[in-house]
N, C-alpha and C. Protein backbone atom coordinates (compact mmCIF):
# COMPACT_ATOMS: atom_id res chain seq x y z
N MET A 1 68.30 160.07 132.11
CA MET A 1 67.61 159.11 133.20
C MET A 1 67.01 158.11 132.75
N ILE A 2 66.79 157.09 133.65
CA ILE A 2 66.57 156.22 133.34
C ILE A 2 64.78 156.01 133.71
N LEU A 3 64.20 155.61 132.58
CA LEU A 3 63.18 155.58 132.63
C LEU A 3 62.41 153.96 133.76
N SER A 4 61.47 154.28 134.60
CA SER A 4 61.14 153.29 135.58
C SER A 4 60.51 152.30 134.56
N ASN A 5 59.91 150.82 134.88
CA ASN A 5 59.80 149.48 134.89
C ASN A 5 58.04 150.37 134.48
N GLY A 6 57.49 151.42 135.57
CA GLY A 6 56.33 151.83 135.08
C GLY A 6 56.04 153.22 134.26
N ASP A 7 57.08 153.01 134.15
CA ASP A 7 56.98 154.03 132.31
C ASP A 7 57.55 153.67 131.64
N ARG A 8 58.49 151.99 131.72
CA ARG A 8 57.88 151.20 130.28
C ARG A 8 56.65 150.72 130.46
N GLU A 9 55.91 150.93 131.23
CA GLU A 9 54.84 150.57 130.45
C GLU A 9 53.78 151.08 129.97
N LYS A 10 53.60 152.07 130.46
CA LYS A 10 52.33 153.16 130.22
C LYS A 10 53.31 154.26 128.51
N ILE A 11 54.84 154.26 128.36
CA ILE A 11 54.72 154.22 126.88
C ILE A 11 54.75 152.26 126.43
N ASN A 12 54.38 151.48 127.05
CA ASN A 12 54.32 150.05 125.15
C ASN A 12 52.32 150.58 126.08
N GLU A 13 51.80 150.73 126.53
CA GLU A 13 49.70 150.63 126.91
C GLU A 13 49.89 151.34 125.75
N CYS A 14 50.66 153.15 125.27
CA CYS A 14 50.05 153.98 124.44
C CYS A 14 50.80 153.53 122.82
N SER A 15 51.53 153.20 123.19
CA SER A 15 51.87 153.10 121.47
C SER A 15 50.66 151.95 121.31
N ILE A 16 50.87 150.43 122.05
CA ILE A 16 49.30 149.64 120.95
C ILE A 16 48.20 150.29 121.41
N GLU A 17 47.42 151.52 121.93
CA GLU A 17 46.34 152.26 122.03
C GLU A 17 46.64 153.14 120.16
N ILE A 18 48.13 153.48 120.34
CA ILE A 18 48.14 154.28 118.99
C ILE A 18 47.71 153.21 117.42
N LEU A 19 48.57 152.40 117.53
CA LEU A 19 48.69 151.28 116.65
C LEU A 19 47.34 150.82 116.08
N SER A 20 46.77 150.39 117.38
CA SER A 20 45.03 149.67 116.88
C SER A 20 43.98 150.94 116.51
N SER A 21 44.71 152.33 117.24
CA SER A 21 43.07 153.03 116.77
C SER A 21 43.65 153.71 116.01
N LEU A 22 44.10 154.03 115.98
CA LEU A 22 44.96 154.91 114.31
C LEU A 22 45.13 154.30 114.08
N GLY A 23 47.23 153.36 113.91
CA GLY A 23 47.15 152.90 113.07
C GLY A 23 48.38 153.29 112.29
N VAL A 24 48.40 152.59 111.33
CA VAL A 24 50.23 154.04 110.67
C VAL A 24 50.33 153.35 109.28
N LYS A 25 50.13 154.93 108.28
CA LYS A 25 49.35 155.43 107.20
C LYS A 25 51.05 154.10 106.37
N VAL A 26 49.61 153.64 105.28
CA VAL A 26 50.91 152.80 104.47
C VAL A 26 50.22 152.55 103.14
N ASP A 27 51.48 153.19 102.36
CA ASP A 27 50.94 154.03 100.66
C ASP A 27 50.99 153.03 99.85
N SER A 28 51.47 152.02 99.61
CA SER A 28 51.06 150.68 98.94
C SER A 28 50.09 150.26 98.88
N ASP A 29 48.89 149.80 98.20
CA ASP A 29 47.08 149.08 98.13
C ASP A 29 48.08 147.30 98.41
N VAL A 30 48.78 147.26 97.70
CA VAL A 30 49.24 145.84 97.69
C VAL A 30 49.50 145.72 99.68
N VAL A 31 50.82 146.61 99.67
CA VAL A 31 51.30 145.94 101.29
C VAL A 31 50.12 145.97 102.68
N ARG A 32 48.27 146.93 102.33
CA ARG A 32 48.09 147.84 102.77
C ARG A 32 47.03 146.21 102.83
N GLU A 33 46.83 145.23 101.47
CA GLU A 33 45.56 144.62 101.76
C GLU A 33 46.57 142.77 101.85
N ARG A 34 47.83 143.08 101.83
CA ARG A 34 48.89 142.00 102.92
C ARG A 34 48.80 141.90 104.21
N MET A 35 49.13 143.22 104.38
CA MET A 35 48.43 143.33 106.52
C MET A 35 47.46 142.81 106.66
N VAL A 36 46.02 143.44 105.90
CA VAL A 36 44.62 143.27 106.52
C VAL A 36 44.75 141.77 106.55
N LYS A 37 45.29 141.06 105.45
CA LYS A 37 44.94 139.29 105.48
C LYS A 37 45.10 138.73 106.51
N CYS A 38 46.39 139.80 106.93
CA CYS A 38 47.63 139.06 108.31
C CYS A 38 46.83 139.34 109.11
N GLY A 39 45.70 139.83 109.67
CA GLY A 39 45.28 140.10 110.44
C GLY A 39 44.84 141.85 111.16
N ALA A 40 45.64 142.92 110.21
CA ALA A 40 45.51 144.21 110.31
C ALA A 40 43.96 144.45 109.58
N LYS A 41 43.45 145.86 110.63
CA LYS A 41 42.35 146.32 110.64
C LYS A 41 41.92 147.53 109.32
N PRO A 42 40.87 148.71 108.63
CA PRO A 42 41.15 149.33 107.94
C PRO A 42 40.96 149.95 108.74
N SER A 43 41.96 151.66 108.59
CA SER A 43 41.86 152.76 109.41
C SER A 43 40.55 153.90 109.26
N PRO A 44 40.38 153.97 110.16
CA PRO A 44 38.93 155.66 110.13
C PRO A 44 40.71 156.51 109.15
N VAL A 45 41.41 157.04 109.02
CA VAL A 45 42.75 157.20 108.69
C VAL A 45 43.14 156.86 107.58
N GLU A 46 43.03 158.00 106.26
CA GLU A 46 43.28 157.59 105.31
C GLU A 46 44.39 157.17 104.46
N ASN A 47 44.76 155.46 103.69
CA ASN A 47 45.29 154.71 103.25
C ASN A 47 46.07 154.48 104.64
N ALA A 48 45.57 153.56 105.76
CA ALA A 48 45.86 154.00 107.28
C ALA A 48 45.67 151.88 107.39
N VAL A 49 46.41 151.60 108.16
CA VAL A 49 45.59 150.13 108.82
C VAL A 49 45.82 149.90 110.54
N CYS A 50 45.26 149.71 111.37
CA CYS A 50 45.66 148.87 112.38
C CYS A 50 45.53 147.90 113.35
N LEU A 51 46.21 147.63 114.55
CA LEU A 51 47.38 146.33 114.18
C LEU A 51 46.39 145.92 115.56
N PRO A 52 46.56 145.15 115.59
CA PRO A 52 45.28 145.24 116.86
C PRO A 52 46.23 144.77 118.11
N GLU A 53 45.86 144.94 119.22
CA GLU A 53 47.09 145.02 119.89
C GLU A 53 47.97 143.04 120.12
N ASP A 54 46.74 141.84 119.98
CA ASP A 54 47.49 140.97 120.48
C ASP A 54 48.12 140.41 118.73
N ILE A 55 47.74 141.22 117.31
CA ILE A 55 49.16 140.96 116.56
C ILE A 55 50.09 141.89 116.51
N VAL A 56 50.29 142.87 117.43
CA VAL A 56 51.53 143.29 117.75
C VAL A 56 51.87 142.77 119.12
N LYS A 57 51.44 142.07 119.35
CA LYS A 57 51.63 141.43 121.01
C LYS A 57 53.02 139.89 120.01
N GLU A 58 52.10 139.76 119.49
CA GLU A 58 52.55 138.42 118.16
C GLU A 58 53.40 138.47 117.44
N TYR A 59 54.10 139.60 116.88
CA TYR A 59 55.18 140.40 116.33
C TYR A 59 56.11 140.60 117.40
N VAL A 60 55.81 141.15 117.98
CA VAL A 60 56.84 141.18 119.03
C VAL A 60 57.64 140.37 119.28
N GLU A 61 56.77 138.91 119.32
CA GLU A 61 57.62 137.89 120.40
C GLU A 61 58.56 137.37 118.95
N LYS A 62 57.63 137.63 117.71
CA LYS A 62 59.23 136.62 116.29
C LYS A 62 60.11 137.79 116.78
N ALA A 63 59.86 139.47 116.91
CA ALA A 63 61.40 139.99 116.52
C ALA A 63 63.02 139.40 116.83
N PRO A 64 63.59 139.00 116.81
CA PRO A 64 64.98 138.36 117.25
C PRO A 64 64.87 139.86 118.76
N SER A 65 65.56 139.33 119.31
CA SER A 65 66.50 139.87 120.64
C SER A 65 67.48 140.80 120.00
N SER A 66 68.20 141.01 118.67
CA SER A 66 69.35 140.75 118.51
C SER A 66 69.47 141.12 117.64
N VAL A 67 70.43 142.74 117.12
CA VAL A 67 70.57 142.46 115.08
C VAL A 67 71.88 143.01 114.88
N LYS A 68 72.15 142.94 113.90
CA LYS A 68 73.50 143.71 113.77
C LYS A 68 73.18 144.23 112.23
N PHE A 69 75.00 145.16 112.59
CA PHE A 69 74.29 146.37 111.07
C PHE A 69 75.90 146.29 110.74
N GLU A 70 76.06 147.08 110.16
CA GLU A 70 77.80 147.36 109.98
C GLU A 70 77.25 148.75 108.37
N ASN A 71 78.95 148.45 108.46
CA ASN A 71 79.01 149.04 107.56
C ASN A 71 80.20 149.25 106.80
N LEU A 72 80.39 150.26 105.59
CA LEU A 72 80.74 150.26 104.74
C LEU A 72 83.13 149.75 104.27
N ASP A 73 83.54 150.03 105.95
CA ASP A 73 84.09 149.77 106.07
C ASP A 73 84.41 148.53 107.64
N ASP A 74 83.34 147.95 107.26
CA ASP A 74 83.01 146.63 107.91
C ASP A 74 83.82 147.29 109.48
N GLU A 75 82.78 147.36 110.53
CA GLU A 75 83.22 147.65 111.18
C GLU A 75 81.33 147.23 111.52
N SER A 76 80.90 146.94 112.63
CA SER A 76 79.45 146.08 113.52
C SER A 76 79.41 146.47 114.20
N VAL A 77 78.27 146.77 114.45
CA VAL A 77 78.18 146.98 115.87
C VAL A 77 76.86 146.27 116.19
N THR A 78 76.48 144.74 116.97
CA THR A 78 75.02 144.11 117.63
C THR A 78 74.31 144.44 118.52
N LEU A 79 73.11 145.13 117.98
CA LEU A 79 72.07 145.98 119.05
C LEU A 79 71.34 145.16 119.83
N SER A 80 71.05 145.16 121.28
CA SER A 80 70.43 144.32 121.92
C SER A 80 69.76 145.10 123.48
N PRO A 81 68.75 144.54 124.31
CA PRO A 81 68.75 145.26 124.83
C PRO A 81 69.94 145.78 126.71
N LYS A 82 70.69 144.61 126.48
CA LYS A 82 72.03 145.13 127.41
C LYS A 82 73.42 145.30 126.87
N GLY A 83 73.05 145.56 125.06
CA GLY A 83 74.29 145.80 124.22
C GLY A 83 74.04 147.95 124.62
N LYS A 84 75.91 147.72 123.51
CA LYS A 84 75.68 148.87 123.20
C LYS A 84 74.90 150.48 122.93
N THR A 85 74.94 151.30 123.34
CA THR A 85 74.15 152.74 122.29
C THR A 85 74.53 153.10 121.16
N VAL A 86 73.72 153.10 120.24
CA VAL A 86 74.39 153.80 119.47
C VAL A 86 73.30 154.55 118.69
N PHE A 87 73.59 155.28 117.96
CA PHE A 87 72.81 156.41 117.24
C PHE A 87 72.92 156.58 115.97
N TRP A 88 71.48 157.09 115.97
CA TRP A 88 71.60 157.24 113.89
C TRP A 88 70.64 158.46 113.99
N ALA A 89 71.37 159.44 112.33
CA ALA A 89 71.31 160.86 111.57
C ALA A 89 68.97 160.30 112.11
N SER A 90 68.56 161.07 112.27
CA SER A 90 66.73 160.94 112.10
C SER A 90 66.57 161.09 111.03
N ASN A 91 66.13 160.87 110.28
CA ASN A 91 65.64 161.23 109.03
C ASN A 91 64.27 163.30 108.80
N ALA A 92 64.86 164.19 108.34
CA ALA A 92 63.98 164.90 108.30
C ALA A 92 63.54 165.36 107.13
N LEU A 93 62.21 166.17 107.65
CA LEU A 93 61.38 166.56 106.64
C LEU A 93 61.11 167.52 105.95
N TYR A 94 62.06 169.09 107.16
CA TYR A 94 62.31 170.44 106.67
C TYR A 94 63.19 171.00 107.11
N ILE A 95 63.72 171.82 106.97
CA ILE A 95 65.36 172.60 107.22
C ILE A 95 64.72 174.48 107.98
N ILE A 96 64.91 174.35 108.99
CA ILE A 96 64.13 175.45 110.09
C ILE A 96 65.21 176.11 109.47
N GLU A 97 65.05 177.65 109.03
CA GLU A 97 65.93 178.74 108.98
C GLU A 97 64.90 180.19 108.87
N ASP A 98 65.41 181.39 109.79
CA ASP A 98 64.86 182.89 110.01
C ASP A 98 63.71 182.61 110.28
N ARG A 99 63.16 181.49 111.53
CA ARG A 99 62.25 181.46 112.42
C ARG A 99 60.97 180.77 111.12
N GLY A 100 61.10 180.51 110.12
CA GLY A 100 60.25 179.49 109.43
C GLY A 100 60.47 177.69 108.90
N LYS A 101 59.63 177.23 108.36
CA LYS A 101 60.32 176.03 107.79
C LYS A 101 60.05 176.11 106.39
N ARG A 102 60.93 175.40 105.43
CA ARG A 102 60.85 174.53 103.78
C ARG A 102 61.66 173.36 103.79
N ASP A 103 60.70 172.76 103.01
CA ASP A 103 60.81 171.18 102.65
C ASP A 103 62.06 170.87 102.42
N LEU A 104 62.59 169.41 102.79
CA LEU A 104 63.38 168.68 102.50
C LEU A 104 64.15 169.18 101.51
N THR A 105 65.05 169.28 100.45
CA THR A 105 65.47 169.06 99.28
C THR A 105 66.88 168.29 98.74
N SER A 106 67.31 167.52 97.90
CA SER A 106 68.74 166.81 98.04
C SER A 106 69.99 166.71 98.05
N SER A 107 69.82 168.95 97.67
CA SER A 107 70.57 168.80 97.94
C SER A 107 71.13 168.95 99.42
N ASP A 108 69.92 169.36 100.40
CA ASP A 108 70.18 169.66 102.11
C ASP A 108 70.22 168.71 102.46
N PHE A 109 69.96 167.15 101.94
CA PHE A 109 69.63 165.18 102.30
C PHE A 109 71.56 165.44 102.16
N VAL A 110 71.33 166.07 101.13
CA VAL A 110 73.40 165.13 100.94
C VAL A 110 74.12 166.28 101.90
N ASP A 111 74.07 167.50 102.06
CA ASP A 111 74.42 167.98 103.17
C ASP A 111 74.68 167.49 104.72
N LEU A 112 73.36 167.02 104.95
CA LEU A 112 72.88 166.29 106.29
C LEU A 112 73.75 164.44 106.71
N THR A 113 73.27 164.29 104.93
CA THR A 113 73.96 163.21 105.22
C THR A 113 76.01 163.42 105.74
N ARG A 114 76.28 164.30 104.39
CA ARG A 114 77.86 164.42 104.71
C ARG A 114 78.66 165.13 106.60
N ILE A 115 77.86 166.19 106.90
CA ILE A 115 77.77 165.98 108.12
C ILE A 115 77.53 164.78 109.15
N ALA A 116 76.15 163.98 108.91
CA ALA A 116 76.34 162.24 110.24
C ALA A 116 78.05 161.48 109.90
N ASP A 117 78.38 161.90 108.72
CA ASP A 117 78.89 160.82 108.26
C ASP A 117 80.89 161.32 109.01
N SER A 118 80.84 163.36 109.23
CA SER A 118 82.10 163.12 110.00
C SER A 118 81.21 162.97 111.35
N LEU A 119 80.64 162.61 111.30
CA LEU A 119 80.48 162.79 113.74
C LEU A 119 80.05 160.96 113.66
N GLU A 120 81.68 161.24 114.80
CA GLU A 120 81.81 159.95 114.86
C GLU A 120 80.68 159.27 116.21
N ASN A 121 79.99 159.84 116.81
CA ASN A 121 79.46 158.97 117.87
C ASN A 121 77.34 159.44 116.13
N VAL A 122 77.76 159.00 115.61
CA VAL A 122 76.89 159.20 114.20
C VAL A 122 77.34 157.68 113.44
N HIS A 123 76.66 156.45 113.74
CA HIS A 123 76.83 155.49 113.43
C HIS A 123 75.55 154.64 112.65
N ALA A 124 75.16 155.56 112.22
CA ALA A 124 73.83 155.06 111.13
C ALA A 124 73.09 155.79 110.09
N MET A 125 73.12 156.01 108.74
CA MET A 125 71.77 157.25 108.33
C MET A 125 70.96 156.75 107.82
N VAL A 126 69.79 157.83 107.97
CA VAL A 126 68.39 157.24 107.88
C VAL A 126 68.11 157.78 106.67
N GLY A 127 67.27 157.20 105.58
CA GLY A 127 66.38 158.23 104.89
C GLY A 127 65.31 158.82 105.19
N THR A 128 64.59 160.61 104.21
CA THR A 128 64.40 160.43 104.06
C THR A 128 63.22 161.05 102.97
N ASN A 129 62.17 162.13 103.46
CA ASN A 129 61.16 162.85 102.60
C ASN A 129 61.88 164.01 101.59
N LEU A 130 62.59 164.14 99.93
CA LEU A 130 63.12 164.45 98.79
C LEU A 130 62.19 164.76 98.27
N SER A 131 61.72 166.70 98.98
CA SER A 131 60.39 167.34 98.37
C SER A 131 61.04 167.55 96.33
N ASP A 132 61.77 168.01 96.44
CA ASP A 132 62.53 167.46 94.46
C ASP A 132 62.39 166.94 93.98
N TYR A 133 61.51 165.15 94.83
CA TYR A 133 61.54 164.16 93.43
C TYR A 133 60.08 163.85 94.45
N PRO A 134 59.54 162.90 92.60
CA PRO A 134 57.89 162.43 93.06
C PRO A 134 58.56 161.87 94.21
N PRO A 135 56.77 161.40 94.69
CA PRO A 135 56.60 160.32 95.69
C PRO A 135 57.60 158.45 95.81
N GLN A 136 57.12 158.51 94.42
CA GLN A 136 57.44 157.16 94.40
C GLN A 136 59.35 156.80 94.16
N THR A 137 59.64 157.53 93.53
CA THR A 137 61.59 157.46 93.90
C THR A 137 62.53 158.46 94.59
N ARG A 138 61.49 159.15 95.88
CA ARG A 138 61.98 159.70 96.62
C ARG A 138 62.73 158.49 97.53
N ASP A 139 62.09 157.60 97.98
CA ASP A 139 63.41 156.27 98.90
C ASP A 139 64.50 156.23 97.91
N PHE A 140 64.92 155.77 96.96
CA PHE A 140 66.04 154.97 95.72
C PHE A 140 66.88 156.25 95.30
N VAL A 141 65.82 157.36 95.59
CA VAL A 141 66.91 158.15 95.21
C VAL A 141 67.49 158.47 96.70
N GLY A 142 67.15 158.68 97.65
CA GLY A 142 67.81 159.44 99.19
C GLY A 142 68.54 157.57 99.45
N PHE A 143 68.50 156.43 99.31
CA PHE A 143 69.19 155.95 99.81
C PHE A 143 70.39 156.16 98.73
N ARG A 144 70.27 156.45 97.12
CA ARG A 144 72.03 156.67 96.78
C ARG A 144 72.05 157.91 97.03
N LEU A 145 71.64 158.53 97.61
CA LEU A 145 72.36 159.74 98.18
C LEU A 145 72.62 159.45 98.70
N MET A 146 72.68 158.48 99.58
CA MET A 146 73.19 157.94 101.20
C MET A 146 74.72 157.28 101.06
N ALA A 147 74.40 156.68 100.21
CA ALA A 147 75.50 155.32 100.18
C ALA A 147 76.56 156.18 99.28
N GLU A 148 76.42 157.84 97.92
CA GLU A 148 77.38 158.27 97.57
C GLU A 148 77.78 159.05 98.76
N ASN A 149 77.09 159.39 100.10
CA ASN A 149 77.41 160.85 100.90
C ASN A 149 78.19 160.19 102.43
N THR A 150 78.53 159.06 102.32
CA THR A 150 78.34 158.35 104.26
C THR A 150 78.62 156.52 103.24
N ARG A 151 79.73 156.43 104.80
CA ARG A 151 79.97 155.22 104.71
C ARG A 151 79.47 154.11 105.26
N LYS A 152 78.81 154.97 106.42
CA LYS A 152 78.07 153.78 107.50
C LYS A 152 76.94 153.23 107.48
N HIS A 153 76.51 152.48 108.18
CA HIS A 153 75.31 151.90 108.17
C HIS A 153 74.13 152.59 107.06
N LEU A 154 73.58 152.20 106.52
CA LEU A 154 71.85 153.21 106.08
C LEU A 154 70.76 152.24 106.29
N ARG A 155 69.45 152.62 106.00
CA ARG A 155 68.60 151.97 106.51
C ARG A 155 67.75 153.73 105.44
N PRO A 156 66.97 152.82 104.41
CA PRO A 156 66.38 153.95 103.63
C PRO A 156 65.16 154.17 104.18
N GLY A 157 64.60 155.51 103.67
CA GLY A 157 63.06 156.18 103.82
C GLY A 157 62.65 154.41 103.35
N SER A 158 61.29 154.94 104.25
CA SER A 158 60.20 154.01 104.08
C SER A 158 58.61 154.88 104.08
N ARG A 159 58.29 153.93 102.85
CA ARG A 159 57.19 155.42 102.96
C ARG A 159 55.61 154.04 102.83
């Protein structure tokens, strides 16, 4: 199903409302302070900043109209509004099993990365939250695990 212009506008308006009223969580005090200096506002949500509509629009305007991604096999794809569709493995937080859930571990993530690597229609791997490592090291460990288990484009987790 293709979204209508009205649907896209409604999604855009809701996104701006969420960014400006609830904000985004930013765990780094230094990054939060820098964002406030650039126009973000402290959020009522702990460790979050709100992004006023004018700031969001300003930075969207600054974003490039296309971006090129490459993998370790020297294959590249340029993403643009009218370009090829690509699929990225999403970051997972839990494993669902036996009608319950449990936190994702590094071993689970290695399995997920290897599965994504074998799927020709998955073009990139995204880092995630690894429950068996301290928060300050999860992104680094996850990136290393991806690099060791796939040749696809990598995007580290971003806390």
